[in-house]
Amino acid sequence: MRRITNNNEVPDLGYLQLHAHEFFYQLSPGELTTIALDNSEGTLSNSGALAVMTGKFTGRSPKDRFIVKDKITSDSIWWGDVNIPFAEDDFDRIYTKMLYYLKGKVLFVRDGAVCSEPAYRLNIRTITETAYQNLFAHNLFLRPDVSGSIDPEWTIIAAPGFEADPERDGTRQKNFSIINFNRKIVLIGGTGYTGEIKKAMFSVLNFLLPAQGVLSMHCSANKGAKGDTAIFFGLSGTGKTTLSADPDRDLIGDDEHGWGDHSIFNFEGGCYAKTAGLNPEKEPQIFEAIKAGALLENIGFVKGTNVPDFDDITITENTRVSYPMDHIANAAVPSKGSVPENIFFLTADAFGVLPPISKLSVPQARYHFLSGYTSKIAGTEEGINEPQTTFSACFGKAFLPLHPVRYAELLGRKIIENEVNIWLINTGWTGGPYGTGERINLSYTRSMIKAALDGMLDKCVFTADSVFGLMIPEHCPGIPSEILNPINNWADPANYLQKAYKLAGLFQENFKQYEEFADADTKNAGPVGQPKVNA
């Protein structure tokens, strides 16, 4: 164990004016787990993973995430309900108060990095109040194999015990996450939820990389034995993690990636997976990754044991586990691949009207990327089966500092330059909406993705559906042809059209916010409106 006292040894924290009683630097997962247990931060599960409770916050707090408005960001950031401006003076004040709070405490310091492509790598120093947060930073950030400390380009300070005074500090409430691009510092306080650390750096990269011609993406990625890369976009519940975890392909990463001139590369050094309902049969890779060094958050246990109960969502539905990439048997090393040959947009359509697989043109790809559609179920009470639509630009609106059209235009250029196939995959319902139809069989979805990856659809005949203009294959190996076109799977085609036009209208209404910024081809690539009937 390396113990740094009074700032006399590496790392040098003088640039922060931070004076703690004691620093623990670059501790191993085992050392951090031991300290966390000694400090009553958590308990040890039967697999050796540390299990903690993150306190009041068991998820991100988007309305309490701010960006300092200064000479760098003033004219660049897409300001609004996603990117909330924070005054420079308020940042200086809360920073000073946070340093005073941390003075005399024992802190945990870790040097790591983001971006597995060396040309874009950023060194990150994470300073945390708790051992478990530092374990999270070990798991999620890249772990450079170097001796001594690394000169950090960005610093994250996370202190869940420090709370802001909203009336004086410029925050909305006591918790906060503040990104300062000029000082290259992220402050996180009042929350123990580790996802704030991860997503703060994702937001930073989403601002910095597009200026270098790199598309930053909220997606998973894998590659086949022949080196072909595929990426999967999708919001929560669409199957992004499940479908990219293919035992026949190497996992590049499960959540955050960049697309440079010559590669797809993981931003991170680990995974942060949901565990609600986890079982070893459906998701064996995640289940087997939960071992010593992993960090479980807000899970329940089988009564009277230290065996996790992944069906227990009493505390939160957002139960999580973080672990390094080397906990995955078929992880790609290094975690990058060639430019993609196939891109999959995943949506769980509870209207039951989108085809299980369809091919998109480049304008359609930009349109659906900007839309970021999926649907959530309104409720499980009897008789309530109307879906709640969710649109999240670029499948990650909450993390986009720039206007979404910037990312969509960059995606379009890269698709054209590299002749990439774009597929829309419906992992939701067919034969009717939620409550009437059936969830598309996961084995069918896997087979359709495999067919696309293996080129078995390249010579297939495609026909356009009449509402969304999506190109539907007439045949797919191993799949009953009647399920490929959803209108054929509904008992009453008129009911299908009614639902399809309703969803089309929601797409059109959502897209109005982008119309003045998008080009004509993209605007015209959306679904058509319902035909008007003459009286």
Protein backbone atom coordinates (compact mmCIF):
# COMPACT_ATOMS: atom_id res chain seq x y z
CA MET A 1 0.00 0.00 0.00
CA ARG A 2 1.40 3.39 -0.95
CA ARG A 3 0.59 6.04 1.62
CA ILE A 4 1.27 9.67 0.78
CA THR A 5 1.27 12.04 3.75
CA ASN A 6 1.47 15.83 3.86
CA ASN A 7 1.99 16.12 0.11
CA ASN A 8 5.71 15.28 0.41
CA GLU A 9 5.55 12.44 -2.13
CA VAL A 10 3.84 11.89 -5.45
CA PRO A 11 1.33 12.91 -6.52
CA ASP A 12 1.74 16.64 -6.19
CA LEU A 13 -1.67 18.15 -5.43
CA GLY A 14 -0.37 21.67 -5.03
CA TYR A 15 -2.10 22.76 -8.23
CA LEU A 16 -5.42 22.21 -6.45
CA GLN A 17 -4.48 23.94 -3.18
CA LEU A 18 -5.84 20.83 -1.51
CA HIS A 19 -4.43 20.00 1.92
CA ALA A 20 -5.74 16.74 3.32
CA HIS A 21 -4.54 14.87 6.38
CA GLU A 22 -3.54 11.82 4.40
CA PHE A 23 -3.65 10.53 0.84
CA PHE A 24 -3.95 6.96 -0.32
CA TYR A 25 -2.63 6.74 -3.86
CA GLN A 26 -3.26 4.11 -6.54
CA LEU A 27 -4.49 1.47 -4.11
CA SER A 28 -5.33 -1.93 -5.53
CA PRO A 29 -8.96 -3.13 -5.67
CA GLY A 30 -8.23 -5.44 -2.75
CA GLU A 31 -6.80 -2.64 -0.63
CA LEU A 32 -9.73 -0.34 -1.43
CA THR A 33 -12.22 -3.10 -0.63
CA THR A 34 -10.54 -3.75 2.73
CA ILE A 35 -10.58 -0.05 3.66
CA ALA A 36 -14.19 0.30 2.55
CA LEU A 37 -15.16 -2.60 4.80
CA ASP A 38 -13.13 -1.18 7.71
CA ASN A 39 -14.87 2.18 7.24
CA SER A 40 -18.33 0.55 7.09
CA GLU A 41 -18.85 1.78 3.54
CA GLY A 42 -20.23 -1.58 2.44
CA THR A 43 -20.32 -5.33 2.83
CA LEU A 44 -18.66 -8.23 1.05
CA SER A 45 -20.85 -10.36 -1.23
CA ASN A 46 -20.42 -14.12 -1.58
CA SER A 47 -18.48 -13.63 -4.83
CA GLY A 48 -15.94 -11.28 -3.24
CA ALA A 49 -17.44 -8.13 -4.79
CA LEU A 50 -17.90 -5.08 -2.56
CA ALA A 51 -21.56 -4.07 -2.14
CA VAL A 52 -22.41 -0.49 -1.13
CA MET A 53 -25.37 1.80 -0.75
CA THR A 54 -24.96 5.17 -2.44
CA GLY A 55 -27.30 7.02 -0.09
CA LYS A 56 -30.11 9.36 -1.04
CA PHE A 57 -29.17 9.31 -4.73
CA THR A 58 -29.27 5.99 -6.56
CA GLY A 59 -29.05 7.53 -10.01
CA ARG A 60 -27.87 10.65 -11.77
CA SER A 61 -29.51 13.99 -11.06
CA PRO A 62 -29.59 15.69 -14.50
CA LYS A 63 -31.10 18.94 -13.23
CA ASP A 64 -28.15 19.34 -10.87
CA ARG A 65 -25.45 18.95 -13.50
CA PHE A 66 -23.94 22.29 -14.54
CA ILE A 67 -21.33 23.65 -16.94
CA VAL A 68 -19.40 26.80 -16.09
CA LYS A 69 -20.20 29.50 -18.62
CA ASP A 70 -16.93 31.16 -19.60
CA LYS A 71 -14.82 32.20 -22.59
CA ILE A 72 -14.52 28.58 -23.75
CA THR A 73 -18.14 27.52 -23.42
CA SER A 74 -20.22 30.68 -23.76
CA ASP A 75 -20.76 30.47 -27.52
CA SER A 76 -20.25 26.72 -27.96
CA ILE A 77 -22.51 24.91 -25.51
CA TRP A 78 -26.08 23.95 -26.36
CA TRP A 79 -27.52 25.80 -23.36
CA GLY A 80 -30.94 24.84 -22.03
CA ASP A 81 -32.51 22.19 -19.83
CA VAL A 82 -29.69 19.72 -20.60
CA ASN A 83 -26.73 22.06 -20.20
CA ILE A 84 -27.39 24.47 -17.36
CA PRO A 85 -24.99 27.42 -17.08
CA PHE A 86 -23.03 28.03 -13.87
CA ALA A 87 -21.31 31.32 -13.05
CA GLU A 88 -17.52 31.43 -12.71
CA ASP A 89 -17.75 33.26 -9.39
CA ASP A 90 -20.14 30.63 -8.03
CA PHE A 91 -17.72 27.89 -9.08
CA ASP A 92 -14.81 29.61 -7.33
CA ARG A 93 -16.88 29.98 -4.18
CA ILE A 94 -18.08 26.38 -4.02
CA TYR A 95 -14.60 25.12 -4.90
CA THR A 96 -13.07 27.04 -1.98
CA LYS A 97 -15.73 25.72 0.38
CA MET A 98 -15.19 22.16 -0.87
CA LEU A 99 -11.41 22.40 -0.28
CA TYR A 100 -12.05 23.65 3.25
CA TYR A 101 -14.40 20.71 3.87
CA LEU A 102 -11.78 18.22 2.66
CA LYS A 103 -8.95 19.78 4.68
CA GLY A 104 -7.70 17.30 7.26
CA LYS A 105 -9.58 14.33 5.81
CA VAL A 106 -8.18 11.08 4.49
CA LEU A 107 -8.62 11.04 0.71
CA PHE A 108 -8.15 8.53 -2.09
CA VAL A 109 -6.28 9.58 -5.21
CA ARG A 110 -6.15 7.71 -8.50
CA ASP A 111 -4.50 8.50 -11.80
CA GLY A 112 -6.10 6.97 -14.86
CA ALA A 113 -7.11 7.91 -18.37
CA VAL A 114 -9.91 7.90 -20.92
CA CYS A 115 -9.81 6.93 -24.63
CA SER A 116 -8.10 3.69 -25.56
CA GLU A 117 -6.90 5.27 -28.81
CA PRO A 118 -3.58 6.91 -27.79
CA ALA A 119 -4.02 9.87 -30.15
CA TYR A 120 -7.02 11.08 -28.12
CA ARG A 121 -6.08 9.92 -24.62
CA LEU A 122 -6.68 12.23 -21.65
CA ASN A 123 -5.09 11.65 -18.25
CA ILE A 124 -7.61 11.85 -15.42
CA ARG A 125 -6.97 12.26 -11.71
CA THR A 126 -9.87 11.24 -9.48
CA ILE A 127 -9.86 12.34 -5.83
CA THR A 128 -12.59 10.80 -3.70
CA GLU A 129 -13.78 11.01 -0.13
CA THR A 130 -14.63 7.32 0.01
CA ALA A 131 -12.73 4.16 -0.87
CA TYR A 132 -15.62 2.72 -2.90
CA GLN A 133 -15.73 5.74 -5.22
CA ASN A 134 -12.03 5.25 -5.88
CA LEU A 135 -12.66 1.58 -6.63
CA PHE A 136 -15.24 2.72 -9.17
CA ALA A 137 -12.66 5.04 -10.79
CA HIS A 138 -10.22 2.11 -10.94
CA ASN A 139 -12.84 -0.04 -12.67
CA LEU A 140 -14.20 2.49 -15.15
CA PHE A 141 -11.18 4.51 -16.23
CA LEU A 142 -8.24 3.13 -18.19
CA ARG A 143 -5.36 1.93 -16.05
CA PRO A 144 -2.09 2.99 -17.72
CA ASP A 145 0.81 0.65 -17.01
CA VAL A 146 3.31 3.23 -15.75
CA SER A 147 5.33 3.79 -12.59
CA GLY A 148 4.87 6.97 -10.58
CA SER A 149 2.15 9.55 -10.95
CA ILE A 150 0.77 10.93 -14.21
CA ASP A 151 0.40 14.61 -14.96
CA PRO A 152 -3.39 14.98 -15.08
CA GLU A 153 -5.13 16.91 -17.81
CA TRP A 154 -8.44 16.79 -15.91
CA THR A 155 -9.21 16.39 -12.22
CA ILE A 156 -12.41 15.07 -10.65
CA ILE A 157 -13.10 15.75 -6.97
CA ALA A 158 -15.99 13.74 -5.52
CA ALA A 159 -17.12 14.37 -1.94
CA PRO A 160 -20.55 12.95 -1.12
CA GLY A 161 -20.38 14.39 2.40
CA PHE A 162 -20.07 17.97 1.15
CA GLU A 163 -23.37 19.69 0.46
CA ALA A 164 -23.91 23.03 -1.22
CA ASP A 165 -25.98 25.91 0.10
CA PRO A 166 -28.34 26.58 -2.83
CA GLU A 167 -29.15 30.13 -1.73
CA ARG A 168 -25.48 31.12 -1.72
CA ASP A 169 -23.73 28.71 -4.05
CA GLY A 170 -25.86 28.96 -7.18
CA THR A 171 -26.97 25.32 -7.16
CA ARG A 172 -30.54 24.04 -7.38
CA GLN A 173 -30.25 21.91 -4.27
CA LYS A 174 -27.53 20.47 -2.03
CA ASN A 175 -26.11 17.98 -4.53
CA PHE A 176 -24.28 19.02 -7.69
CA SER A 177 -21.97 18.04 -10.53
CA ILE A 178 -20.14 21.00 -12.09
CA ILE A 179 -17.86 20.87 -15.15
CA ASN A 180 -15.31 23.66 -15.62
CA PHE A 181 -13.66 23.48 -19.06
CA ASN A 182 -11.36 26.42 -18.42
CA ARG A 183 -9.88 24.99 -15.21
CA LYS A 184 -10.35 21.36 -16.33
CA ILE A 185 -11.94 20.40 -13.04
CA VAL A 186 -15.13 18.50 -12.22
CA LEU A 187 -16.68 18.97 -8.78
CA ILE A 188 -19.21 16.41 -7.50
CA GLY A 189 -20.80 16.85 -4.11
CA GLY A 190 -23.77 15.78 -2.03
CA THR A 191 -24.21 12.47 -3.87
CA GLY A 192 -22.53 9.10 -3.53
CA TYR A 193 -23.84 7.77 -6.85
CA THR A 194 -20.75 6.81 -8.82
CA GLY A 195 -22.38 7.25 -12.22
CA GLU A 196 -21.91 11.01 -11.83
CA ILE A 197 -18.14 10.47 -12.09
CA LYS A 198 -18.45 8.41 -15.25
CA LYS A 199 -20.92 10.65 -17.06
CA ALA A 200 -19.10 13.86 -16.17
CA MET A 201 -16.11 12.69 -18.19
CA PHE A 202 -18.38 11.45 -20.97
CA SER A 203 -19.81 14.98 -21.21
CA VAL A 204 -16.27 16.40 -21.34
CA LEU A 205 -15.33 14.09 -24.22
CA ASN A 206 -18.59 14.88 -26.02
CA PHE A 207 -17.46 18.53 -26.03
CA LEU A 208 -13.79 18.05 -26.91
CA LEU A 209 -13.68 15.23 -29.47
CA PRO A 210 -16.03 16.45 -32.25
CA ALA A 211 -13.66 19.41 -32.78
CA GLN A 212 -11.00 16.78 -33.64
CA GLY A 213 -13.31 15.02 -36.10
CA VAL A 214 -14.14 12.24 -33.64
CA LEU A 215 -17.77 11.20 -33.19
CA SER A 216 -18.41 10.56 -29.50
CA MET A 217 -21.11 7.95 -29.03
CA HIS A 218 -23.34 6.49 -26.33
CA CYS A 219 -23.18 2.94 -27.66
CA SER A 220 -21.75 -0.54 -27.19
CA ALA A 221 -19.33 -2.13 -29.65
CA ASN A 222 -17.91 -5.54 -30.52
CA LYS A 223 -15.86 -7.15 -33.26
CA GLY A 224 -15.86 -10.50 -35.01
CA ALA A 225 -13.14 -13.02 -35.70
CA LYS A 226 -12.44 -11.36 -39.07
CA GLY A 227 -11.96 -7.98 -37.39
CA ASP A 228 -15.30 -6.52 -38.47
CA THR A 229 -16.67 -4.00 -35.97
CA ALA A 230 -20.31 -3.37 -35.08
CA ILE A 231 -21.78 -0.72 -32.84
CA PHE A 232 -25.12 -0.70 -31.04
CA PHE A 233 -27.01 2.46 -30.09
CA GLY A 234 -29.97 2.22 -27.76
CA LEU A 235 -31.62 3.68 -24.69
CA SER A 236 -32.31 1.79 -21.48
CA GLY A 237 -34.29 -1.42 -21.97
CA THR A 238 -33.58 -1.83 -25.68
CA GLY A 239 -30.94 -4.58 -25.32
CA LYS A 240 -27.75 -2.61 -26.03
CA THR A 241 -25.66 -4.48 -23.45
CA THR A 242 -27.31 -7.87 -24.00
CA LEU A 243 -27.01 -7.89 -27.79
CA SER A 244 -23.43 -6.66 -27.89
CA ALA A 245 -22.39 -9.36 -25.37
CA ASP A 246 -21.99 -12.03 -28.02
CA PRO A 247 -19.84 -15.05 -27.08
CA ASP A 248 -18.75 -15.33 -30.73
CA ARG A 249 -17.47 -11.75 -30.85
CA ASP A 250 -15.01 -9.74 -28.73
CA LEU A 251 -16.49 -6.96 -26.61
CA ILE A 252 -14.87 -3.57 -27.23
CA GLY A 253 -17.06 -1.84 -24.65
CA ASP A 254 -20.60 -1.56 -23.37
CA ASP A 255 -21.38 2.16 -23.20
CA GLU A 256 -19.08 4.95 -24.45
CA HIS A 257 -16.97 5.05 -27.63
CA GLY A 258 -15.31 7.34 -30.11
CA TRP A 259 -15.18 7.00 -33.90
CA GLY A 260 -11.95 8.43 -35.24
CA ASP A 261 -10.43 8.36 -38.71
CA HIS A 262 -9.28 4.77 -38.46
CA SER A 263 -10.87 3.15 -35.43
CA ILE A 264 -13.70 2.71 -32.99
CA PHE A 265 -12.31 2.96 -29.47
CA ASN A 266 -13.65 2.59 -25.96
CA PHE A 267 -13.51 5.66 -23.75
CA GLU A 268 -13.43 3.50 -20.63
CA GLY A 269 -11.56 0.66 -19.02
CA GLY A 270 -14.57 -1.16 -17.63
CA CYS A 271 -18.32 -1.69 -17.60
CA TYR A 272 -21.15 -0.25 -15.52
CA ALA A 273 -23.98 -2.71 -16.01
CA LYS A 274 -27.52 -2.80 -14.68
CA THR A 275 -28.19 -5.81 -12.47
CA ALA A 276 -31.98 -5.73 -11.97
CA GLY A 277 -33.25 -9.18 -12.96
CA LEU A 278 -29.75 -10.42 -13.77
CA ASN A 279 -29.45 -14.19 -14.12
CA PRO A 280 -26.58 -16.39 -15.29
CA GLU A 281 -28.53 -18.00 -18.13
CA LYS A 282 -29.45 -14.83 -20.02
CA GLU A 283 -26.38 -12.70 -19.25
CA PRO A 284 -23.59 -15.04 -18.20
CA GLN A 285 -20.78 -12.60 -19.00
CA ILE A 286 -22.07 -9.96 -16.60
CA PHE A 287 -22.89 -12.53 -13.94
CA GLU A 288 -19.42 -14.04 -14.07
CA ALA A 289 -17.78 -10.61 -13.96
CA ILE A 290 -19.17 -9.98 -10.46
CA LYS A 291 -16.18 -11.16 -8.47
CA ALA A 292 -13.45 -9.69 -6.27
CA GLY A 293 -12.72 -6.17 -7.47
CA ALA A 294 -16.25 -5.54 -8.75
CA LEU A 295 -18.47 -2.95 -7.07
CA LEU A 296 -22.19 -3.62 -6.55
CA GLU A 297 -24.49 -0.67 -5.86
CA ASN A 298 -27.82 -0.59 -4.04
CA ILE A 299 -28.62 -4.29 -4.42
CA GLY A 300 -30.57 -6.45 -1.99
CA PHE A 301 -29.45 -9.77 -0.52
CA VAL A 302 -31.13 -13.08 0.00
CA LYS A 303 -32.36 -12.82 3.58
CA GLY A 304 -29.76 -13.86 6.13
CA THR A 305 -26.97 -14.29 3.55
CA ASN A 306 -24.45 -12.29 1.57
CA VAL A 307 -25.83 -13.67 -1.71
CA PRO A 308 -27.09 -10.85 -3.97
CA ASP A 309 -30.79 -10.93 -4.85
CA PHE A 310 -30.85 -9.28 -8.25
CA ASP A 311 -34.64 -9.41 -8.35
CA ASP A 312 -34.80 -7.18 -5.26
CA ILE A 313 -35.34 -3.62 -6.47
CA THR A 314 -36.62 -2.31 -3.14
CA ILE A 315 -33.97 0.39 -3.00
CA THR A 316 -33.97 1.25 -6.69
CA GLU A 317 -34.59 -0.28 -10.10
CA ASN A 318 -31.22 1.18 -11.06
CA THR A 319 -29.09 -1.43 -9.31
CA ARG A 320 -25.60 -1.52 -10.81
CA VAL A 321 -22.24 -3.26 -10.92
CA SER A 322 -18.93 -1.88 -12.14
CA TYR A 323 -15.96 -4.03 -13.08
CA PRO A 324 -12.82 -3.72 -15.24
CA MET A 325 -12.85 -5.01 -18.81
CA ASP A 326 -10.54 -7.89 -17.89
CA HIS A 327 -13.42 -9.41 -15.90
CA ILE A 328 -14.97 -10.21 -19.31
CA ALA A 329 -13.50 -13.37 -20.85
CA ASN A 330 -13.81 -12.22 -24.47
CA ALA A 331 -12.92 -8.55 -23.99
CA ALA A 332 -10.96 -7.02 -26.86
CA VAL A 333 -7.39 -6.06 -25.94
CA PRO A 334 -6.80 -3.21 -26.56
CA SER A 335 -10.41 -2.09 -26.44
CA LYS A 336 -10.74 -0.78 -29.96
CA GLY A 337 -11.56 -1.98 -33.45
CA SER A 338 -11.65 -0.91 -37.08
CA VAL A 339 -14.25 1.53 -38.37
CA PRO A 340 -17.67 -0.17 -38.27
CA GLU A 341 -19.17 -2.16 -41.09
CA ASN A 342 -22.58 -2.26 -39.41
CA ILE A 343 -24.43 0.07 -37.04
CA PHE A 344 -27.56 -1.00 -35.19
CA PHE A 345 -30.11 1.46 -33.78
CA LEU A 346 -32.09 -0.40 -31.12
CA THR A 347 -35.61 0.55 -30.09
CA ALA A 348 -38.18 -1.20 -27.93
CA ASP A 349 -41.32 -0.13 -29.80
CA ALA A 350 -44.32 -0.71 -27.57
CA PHE A 351 -46.66 0.43 -30.36
CA GLY A 352 -45.77 -2.78 -32.17
CA VAL A 353 -45.52 -1.10 -35.58
CA LEU A 354 -41.81 -0.93 -36.38
CA PRO A 355 -40.30 -3.90 -38.21
CA PRO A 356 -37.96 -6.19 -36.27
CA ILE A 357 -35.18 -5.31 -38.72
CA SER A 358 -34.97 -2.68 -41.45
CA LYS A 359 -32.25 -0.93 -43.39
CA LEU A 360 -31.81 2.84 -43.29
CA SER A 361 -30.53 5.27 -45.89
CA VAL A 362 -28.01 7.91 -44.77
CA PRO A 363 -30.69 10.64 -44.36
CA GLN A 364 -32.86 8.17 -42.42
CA ALA A 365 -29.85 7.35 -40.23
CA ARG A 366 -29.42 11.03 -39.40
CA TYR A 367 -33.15 11.39 -38.75
CA HIS A 368 -33.42 8.39 -36.42
CA PHE A 369 -30.15 9.29 -34.71
CA LEU A 370 -31.53 12.74 -33.93
CA SER A 371 -34.83 11.18 -32.80
CA GLY A 372 -33.34 8.50 -30.51
CA TYR A 373 -36.70 6.78 -30.12
CA THR A 374 -37.80 4.05 -27.77
CA SER A 375 -40.87 3.56 -25.62
CA LYS A 376 -41.50 2.88 -21.99
CA ILE A 377 -44.55 1.14 -20.61
CA ALA A 378 -46.98 3.47 -18.86
CA GLY A 379 -47.79 0.96 -16.15
CA THR A 380 -48.49 -2.66 -15.37
CA GLU A 381 -52.02 -2.27 -13.99
CA GLU A 382 -54.69 -4.23 -15.80
CA GLY A 383 -56.07 -2.37 -18.80
CA ILE A 384 -53.23 0.18 -18.98
CA ASN A 385 -51.28 -0.72 -22.09
CA GLU A 386 -50.63 2.63 -23.73
CA PRO A 387 -46.89 3.20 -24.29
CA GLN A 388 -44.98 6.26 -23.21
CA THR A 389 -42.74 7.45 -26.00
CA THR A 390 -39.20 8.56 -25.23
CA PHE A 391 -37.03 10.57 -27.60
CA SER A 392 -33.41 11.18 -26.62
CA ALA A 393 -31.25 12.85 -29.25
CA CYS A 394 -28.30 10.73 -30.39
CA PHE A 395 -29.45 8.08 -27.91
CA GLY A 396 -27.88 10.14 -25.13
CA LYS A 397 -29.34 13.67 -25.01
CA ALA A 398 -28.46 14.14 -21.32
CA PHE A 399 -24.73 14.04 -22.11
CA LEU A 400 -24.54 16.29 -25.19
CA PRO A 401 -22.85 19.66 -24.60
CA LEU A 402 -23.12 20.55 -28.31
CA HIS A 403 -26.24 20.82 -30.42
CA PRO A 404 -27.45 17.33 -31.47
CA VAL A 405 -27.29 18.23 -35.16
CA ARG A 406 -23.50 18.54 -34.83
CA TYR A 407 -23.24 14.87 -33.87
CA ALA A 408 -25.79 13.77 -36.48
CA GLU A 409 -23.92 15.55 -39.29
CA LEU A 410 -20.65 13.96 -38.18
CA LEU A 411 -22.31 10.54 -38.11
CA GLY A 412 -23.67 11.06 -41.62
CA ARG A 413 -20.26 12.00 -43.01
CA LYS A 414 -18.59 8.97 -41.47
CA ILE A 415 -21.30 6.63 -42.77
CA ILE A 416 -20.82 7.93 -46.31
CA GLU A 417 -17.01 7.89 -46.16
CA ASN A 418 -16.92 4.31 -44.89
CA GLU A 419 -20.01 2.87 -46.68
CA VAL A 420 -21.50 1.60 -43.42
CA ASN A 421 -24.72 -0.43 -43.25
CA ILE A 422 -27.29 1.09 -40.86
CA TRP A 423 -29.99 -1.10 -39.36
CA LEU A 424 -32.98 -0.24 -37.21
CA ILE A 425 -33.78 -3.11 -34.84
CA ASN A 426 -37.09 -3.28 -32.97
CA THR A 427 -36.62 -5.30 -29.77
CA GLY A 428 -40.13 -4.39 -28.61
CA TRP A 429 -43.53 -5.68 -29.68
CA THR A 430 -45.11 -7.13 -32.79
CA GLY A 431 -48.61 -8.28 -33.76
CA GLY A 432 -50.11 -5.46 -31.69
CA PRO A 433 -49.10 -2.91 -29.07
CA TYR A 434 -47.94 -3.72 -25.56
CA GLY A 435 -50.75 -5.58 -23.83
CA THR A 436 -52.02 -7.12 -27.08
CA GLY A 437 -49.00 -8.11 -29.15
CA GLU A 438 -46.00 -10.17 -28.16
CA ARG A 439 -42.43 -9.16 -27.38
CA ILE A 440 -40.17 -10.05 -30.29
CA ASN A 441 -38.33 -13.25 -29.49
CA LEU A 442 -34.75 -12.52 -28.40
CA SER A 443 -33.49 -15.49 -30.40
CA TYR A 444 -35.06 -13.97 -33.54
CA THR A 445 -33.37 -10.64 -32.85
CA ARG A 446 -30.00 -12.33 -32.39
CA SER A 447 -30.50 -14.25 -35.65
CA MET A 448 -31.39 -11.09 -37.58
CA ILE A 449 -28.33 -9.26 -36.24
CA LYS A 450 -26.14 -12.25 -37.10
CA ALA A 451 -27.57 -12.29 -40.63
CA ALA A 452 -26.76 -8.61 -41.04
CA LEU A 453 -23.24 -9.06 -39.65
CA ASP A 454 -22.53 -12.07 -41.86
CA GLY A 455 -23.70 -10.29 -45.02
CA MET A 456 -26.60 -12.68 -45.55
CA LEU A 457 -28.97 -9.76 -46.23
CA ASP A 458 -26.75 -8.05 -48.80
CA LYS A 459 -28.50 -9.61 -51.79
CA CYS A 460 -31.94 -9.72 -50.23
CA VAL A 461 -34.92 -7.95 -51.79
CA PHE A 462 -36.16 -5.04 -49.64
CA THR A 463 -39.53 -3.30 -49.74
CA ALA A 464 -40.41 0.04 -48.16
CA ASP A 465 -43.18 0.23 -45.58
CA SER A 466 -45.82 2.85 -46.35
CA VAL A 467 -45.61 4.92 -43.15
CA PHE A 468 -41.96 5.10 -42.05
CA GLY A 469 -40.29 4.42 -45.39
CA LEU A 470 -38.12 1.74 -43.78
CA MET A 471 -36.62 -0.88 -46.07
CA ILE A 472 -37.75 -4.32 -44.88
CA PRO A 473 -36.06 -7.52 -46.08
CA GLU A 474 -38.44 -10.02 -47.64
CA HIS A 475 -36.44 -12.95 -46.23
CA CYS A 476 -34.00 -13.54 -43.39
CA PRO A 477 -32.34 -16.89 -42.62
CA GLY A 478 -33.99 -18.68 -39.73
CA ILE A 479 -36.81 -16.15 -39.34
CA PRO A 480 -40.47 -16.71 -40.33
CA SER A 481 -41.06 -14.33 -43.23
CA GLU A 482 -44.46 -13.26 -41.93
CA ILE A 483 -42.96 -11.46 -38.92
CA LEU A 484 -40.57 -9.31 -40.96
CA ASN A 485 -43.27 -6.89 -42.12
CA PRO A 486 -45.27 -5.94 -39.01
CA ILE A 487 -48.52 -5.16 -40.83
CA ASN A 488 -48.72 -8.83 -41.80
CA ASN A 489 -48.49 -9.79 -38.14
CA TRP A 490 -51.53 -7.77 -37.01
CA ALA A 491 -55.01 -9.30 -37.04
CA ASP A 492 -56.46 -6.04 -38.41
CA PRO A 493 -54.27 -4.01 -40.82
CA ALA A 494 -56.45 -0.94 -40.22
CA ASN A 495 -55.55 -1.01 -36.52
CA TYR A 496 -51.91 -1.34 -37.45
CA LEU A 497 -52.09 1.76 -39.65
CA GLN A 498 -53.87 3.70 -36.93
CA LYS A 499 -51.08 2.98 -34.45
CA ALA A 500 -48.36 3.52 -37.05
CA TYR A 501 -49.67 6.95 -37.97
CA LYS A 502 -49.95 7.85 -34.29
CA LEU A 503 -46.28 7.00 -33.74
CA ALA A 504 -45.37 8.83 -36.95
CA GLY A 505 -47.06 11.95 -35.62
CA LEU A 506 -45.03 11.75 -32.40
CA PHE A 507 -41.82 11.47 -34.45
CA GLN A 508 -42.84 14.54 -36.47
CA GLU A 509 -43.72 16.57 -33.39
CA ASN A 510 -40.43 15.72 -31.70
CA PHE A 511 -38.40 16.54 -34.80
CA LYS A 512 -39.74 20.11 -35.00
CA GLN A 513 -37.01 21.20 -32.57
CA TYR A 514 -34.35 20.24 -35.14
CA GLU A 515 -36.01 21.35 -38.37
CA GLU A 516 -34.32 24.76 -38.65
CA PHE A 517 -30.89 23.16 -38.17
CA ALA A 518 -31.19 19.95 -40.22
CA ASP A 519 -30.70 19.72 -43.98
CA ALA A 520 -33.59 19.03 -46.34
CA ASP A 521 -32.70 15.38 -46.94
CA THR A 522 -32.72 14.66 -43.20
CA LYS A 523 -36.00 16.50 -42.62
CA ASN A 524 -37.65 14.55 -45.45
CA ALA A 525 -36.39 11.19 -44.19
CA GLY A 526 -38.98 10.86 -41.45
CA PRO A 527 -42.35 9.08 -41.52
CA VAL A 528 -45.25 10.42 -43.54
CA GLY A 529 -48.38 11.88 -42.03
CA GLN A 530 -51.76 10.22 -41.97
CA PRO A 531 -53.64 10.79 -45.25
CA LYS A 532 -56.42 13.32 -44.98
CA VAL A 533 -59.90 12.06 -45.79
CA ASN A 534 -62.14 14.41 -47.75
CA ALA A 535 -65.43 15.11 -46.05
